Amino acid sequence: MTKLVPIFIDGKKWVQLSQLTVDQAHSLKSFLPVNCFKKILFQGIELSECLDFAVYDFWYRSIQVSDQKQPLSDF
């Protein structure tokens, strides 16, 4: 899985849920409470389902670690 590059708005780093694949977005939504997602106004455009990059980064790292711990198939 490729890690998203954050967007900078008013000095904060954000990612938008729509940047993820459908499966990744579903996984992230099930991992976090709904109130973590924000609507942000940027240059007159409302960006919905934005998430603080630090929270996304934590989720991303936890997914990477769990993927590495998958047992190998038996031969």
N, C-alpha and C. Protein backbone atom coordinates (compact mmCIF):
# COMPACT_ATOMS: atom_id res chain seq x y z
N MET A 1 0.85 -1.16 0.00
CA MET A 1 0.00 0.00 0.00
C MET A 1 0.90 1.23 0.00
N THR A 2 0.57 2.18 -0.86
CA THR A 2 1.33 3.41 -0.97
C THR A 2 0.83 4.42 0.05
N LYS A 3 1.75 5.07 0.74
CA LYS A 3 1.39 6.07 1.74
C LYS A 3 1.04 7.39 1.06
N LEU A 4 -0.05 8.01 1.52
CA LEU A 4 -0.48 9.28 0.96
C LEU A 4 0.45 10.42 1.36
N VAL A 5 0.52 11.41 0.52
CA VAL A 5 1.26 12.64 0.81
C VAL A 5 0.24 13.62 1.38
N PRO A 6 0.54 14.25 2.50
CA PRO A 6 -0.45 15.16 3.10
C PRO A 6 -0.61 16.44 2.30
N ILE A 7 -1.78 17.05 2.47
CA ILE A 7 -2.00 18.39 1.93
C ILE A 7 -1.87 19.35 3.11
N PHE A 8 -1.28 20.51 2.86
CA PHE A 8 -1.07 21.51 3.91
C PHE A 8 -2.13 22.58 3.79
N ILE A 9 -2.92 22.74 4.87
CA ILE A 9 -3.94 23.78 4.92
C ILE A 9 -3.80 24.48 6.26
N ASP A 10 -3.57 25.77 6.20
CA ASP A 10 -3.42 26.59 7.41
C ASP A 10 -2.41 26.01 8.38
N GLY A 11 -1.29 25.53 7.86
CA GLY A 11 -0.20 25.04 8.69
C GLY A 11 -0.39 23.64 9.25
N LYS A 12 -1.48 22.97 8.88
CA LYS A 12 -1.71 21.61 9.35
C LYS A 12 -1.66 20.65 8.17
N LYS A 13 -1.30 19.41 8.48
CA LYS A 13 -1.24 18.37 7.45
C LYS A 13 -2.53 17.56 7.50
N TRP A 14 -3.13 17.32 6.32
CA TRP A 14 -4.38 16.58 6.20
C TRP A 14 -4.29 15.56 5.08
N VAL A 15 -5.13 14.53 5.16
CA VAL A 15 -5.39 13.65 4.02
C VAL A 15 -6.90 13.61 3.86
N GLN A 16 -7.32 13.38 2.63
CA GLN A 16 -8.75 13.29 2.35
C GLN A 16 -9.08 11.84 2.06
N LEU A 17 -10.16 11.35 2.64
CA LEU A 17 -10.55 9.96 2.52
C LEU A 17 -10.70 9.53 1.06
N SER A 18 -11.11 10.44 0.22
CA SER A 18 -11.31 10.11 -1.20
C SER A 18 -10.00 9.78 -1.92
N GLN A 19 -8.85 10.06 -1.30
CA GLN A 19 -7.56 9.74 -1.90
C GLN A 19 -7.22 8.25 -1.76
N LEU A 20 -7.95 7.55 -0.90
CA LEU A 20 -7.69 6.14 -0.64
C LEU A 20 -8.52 5.26 -1.55
N THR A 21 -8.12 4.00 -1.67
CA THR A 21 -8.96 3.04 -2.38
C THR A 21 -10.21 2.79 -1.54
N VAL A 22 -11.22 2.19 -2.12
CA VAL A 22 -12.45 1.91 -1.40
C VAL A 22 -12.18 1.01 -0.20
N ASP A 23 -11.36 -0.03 -0.38
CA ASP A 23 -11.04 -0.95 0.72
C ASP A 23 -10.29 -0.24 1.84
N GLN A 24 -9.32 0.60 1.48
CA GLN A 24 -8.55 1.33 2.48
C GLN A 24 -9.45 2.31 3.23
N ALA A 25 -10.32 3.00 2.52
CA ALA A 25 -11.24 3.95 3.16
C ALA A 25 -12.16 3.22 4.14
N HIS A 26 -12.66 2.06 3.75
CA HIS A 26 -13.51 1.28 4.64
C HIS A 26 -12.73 0.84 5.88
N SER A 27 -11.52 0.38 5.69
CA SER A 27 -10.68 -0.04 6.80
C SER A 27 -10.42 1.11 7.77
N LEU A 28 -10.10 2.27 7.23
CA LEU A 28 -9.83 3.44 8.05
C LEU A 28 -11.07 3.89 8.80
N LYS A 29 -12.23 3.89 8.12
CA LYS A 29 -13.47 4.29 8.77
C LYS A 29 -13.84 3.35 9.92
N SER A 30 -13.56 2.07 9.74
CA SER A 30 -13.90 1.11 10.80
C SER A 30 -12.90 1.20 11.96
N PHE A 31 -11.73 1.75 11.71
CA PHE A 31 -10.66 1.88 12.71
C PHE A 31 -10.88 3.08 13.63
N LEU A 32 -11.53 4.13 13.10
CA LEU A 32 -11.64 5.41 13.82
C LEU A 32 -13.08 5.80 14.11
N PRO A 33 -13.29 6.61 15.16
CA PRO A 33 -14.62 7.17 15.38
C PRO A 33 -14.95 8.20 14.30
N VAL A 34 -16.23 8.35 14.00
CA VAL A 34 -16.67 9.25 12.94
C VAL A 34 -16.24 10.70 13.19
N ASN A 35 -16.16 11.11 14.45
CA ASN A 35 -15.83 12.51 14.73
C ASN A 35 -14.38 12.87 14.42
N CYS A 36 -13.58 11.92 13.99
CA CYS A 36 -12.19 12.22 13.58
C CYS A 36 -12.14 12.88 12.20
N PHE A 37 -13.18 12.69 11.41
CA PHE A 37 -13.21 13.23 10.06
C PHE A 37 -13.81 14.63 10.08
N LYS A 38 -13.15 15.55 9.38
CA LYS A 38 -13.54 16.96 9.40
C LYS A 38 -13.85 17.45 7.99
N LYS A 39 -14.67 18.51 7.93
CA LYS A 39 -14.87 19.26 6.69
C LYS A 39 -14.00 20.50 6.79
N ILE A 40 -13.24 20.75 5.73
CA ILE A 40 -12.31 21.88 5.74
C ILE A 40 -12.60 22.76 4.54
N LEU A 41 -12.65 24.05 4.76
CA LEU A 41 -12.83 25.01 3.67
C LEU A 41 -11.46 25.46 3.21
N PHE A 42 -11.16 25.24 1.92
CA PHE A 42 -9.86 25.60 1.37
C PHE A 42 -10.07 26.31 0.04
N GLN A 43 -9.69 27.56 -0.02
CA GLN A 43 -9.82 28.39 -1.21
C GLN A 43 -11.23 28.32 -1.80
N GLY A 44 -12.22 28.40 -0.92
CA GLY A 44 -13.62 28.41 -1.35
C GLY A 44 -14.20 27.05 -1.66
N ILE A 45 -13.43 26.00 -1.48
CA ILE A 45 -13.89 24.64 -1.76
C ILE A 45 -13.99 23.87 -0.45
N GLU A 46 -15.12 23.21 -0.25
CA GLU A 46 -15.27 22.40 0.96
C GLU A 46 -14.72 21.00 0.69
N LEU A 47 -13.74 20.61 1.48
CA LEU A 47 -13.16 19.27 1.39
C LEU A 47 -13.78 18.44 2.51
N SER A 48 -14.47 17.38 2.13
CA SER A 48 -15.14 16.56 3.15
C SER A 48 -14.27 15.36 3.51
N GLU A 49 -14.56 14.78 4.64
CA GLU A 49 -13.89 13.59 5.16
C GLU A 49 -12.36 13.74 5.16
N CYS A 50 -11.91 14.83 5.77
CA CYS A 50 -10.47 15.06 5.94
C CYS A 50 -10.05 14.53 7.30
N LEU A 51 -8.83 14.06 7.36
CA LEU A 51 -8.30 13.46 8.57
C LEU A 51 -6.92 14.03 8.84
N ASP A 52 -6.66 14.34 10.09
CA ASP A 52 -5.34 14.83 10.48
C ASP A 52 -4.30 13.80 10.04
N PHE A 53 -3.24 14.27 9.42
CA PHE A 53 -2.23 13.36 8.87
C PHE A 53 -1.59 12.48 9.94
N ALA A 54 -1.42 12.99 11.15
CA ALA A 54 -0.81 12.19 12.22
C ALA A 54 -1.68 10.97 12.55
N VAL A 55 -2.99 11.14 12.52
CA VAL A 55 -3.90 10.02 12.78
C VAL A 55 -3.82 9.02 11.63
N TYR A 56 -3.83 9.54 10.39
CA TYR A 56 -3.69 8.67 9.22
C TYR A 56 -2.37 7.91 9.28
N ASP A 57 -1.29 8.60 9.64
CA ASP A 57 0.03 7.98 9.70
C ASP A 57 0.06 6.84 10.72
N PHE A 58 -0.58 7.05 11.88
CA PHE A 58 -0.67 6.00 12.89
C PHE A 58 -1.42 4.79 12.34
N TRP A 59 -2.56 5.04 11.68
CA TRP A 59 -3.33 3.95 11.08
C TRP A 59 -2.49 3.22 10.02
N TYR A 60 -1.83 3.98 9.17
CA TYR A 60 -1.02 3.40 8.10
C TYR A 60 0.06 2.49 8.67
N ARG A 61 0.77 2.98 9.70
CA ARG A 61 1.83 2.18 10.31
C ARG A 61 1.26 0.94 10.98
N SER A 62 0.11 1.05 11.62
CA SER A 62 -0.48 -0.12 12.28
C SER A 62 -0.93 -1.15 11.26
N ILE A 63 -1.42 -0.72 10.11
CA ILE A 63 -1.81 -1.65 9.04
C ILE A 63 -0.57 -2.34 8.48
N GLN A 64 0.52 -1.60 8.29
CA GLN A 64 1.75 -2.18 7.77
C GLN A 64 2.29 -3.25 8.72
N VAL A 65 2.25 -2.97 10.01
CA VAL A 65 2.75 -3.93 11.00
C VAL A 65 1.88 -5.17 11.01
N SER A 66 0.56 -5.00 10.97
CA SER A 66 -0.33 -6.17 10.99
C SER A 66 -0.17 -7.00 9.71
N ASP A 67 0.09 -6.35 8.58
CA ASP A 67 0.31 -7.09 7.34
C ASP A 67 1.60 -7.92 7.42
N GLN A 68 2.62 -7.41 8.10
CA GLN A 68 3.88 -8.12 8.23
C GLN A 68 3.76 -9.30 9.17
N LYS A 69 2.79 -9.28 10.06
CA LYS A 69 2.64 -10.36 11.03
C LYS A 69 1.73 -11.48 10.50
N GLN A 70 1.28 -11.36 9.27
CA GLN A 70 0.44 -12.40 8.70
C GLN A 70 1.24 -13.70 8.65
N PRO A 71 0.67 -14.80 9.11
CA PRO A 71 1.41 -16.07 9.06
C PRO A 71 1.62 -16.54 7.63
N LEU A 72 2.74 -17.17 7.41
CA LEU A 72 3.01 -17.75 6.11
C LEU A 72 2.15 -18.98 5.92
N SER A 73 1.75 -19.26 4.70
CA SER A 73 0.92 -20.44 4.48
C SER A 73 1.73 -21.71 4.69
N ASP A 74 1.04 -22.71 5.13
CA ASP A 74 1.69 -24.00 5.34
C ASP A 74 1.99 -24.65 4.01
N PHE A 75 3.10 -25.33 3.95
CA PHE A 75 3.47 -26.01 2.71
C PHE A 75 3.09 -27.46 2.77
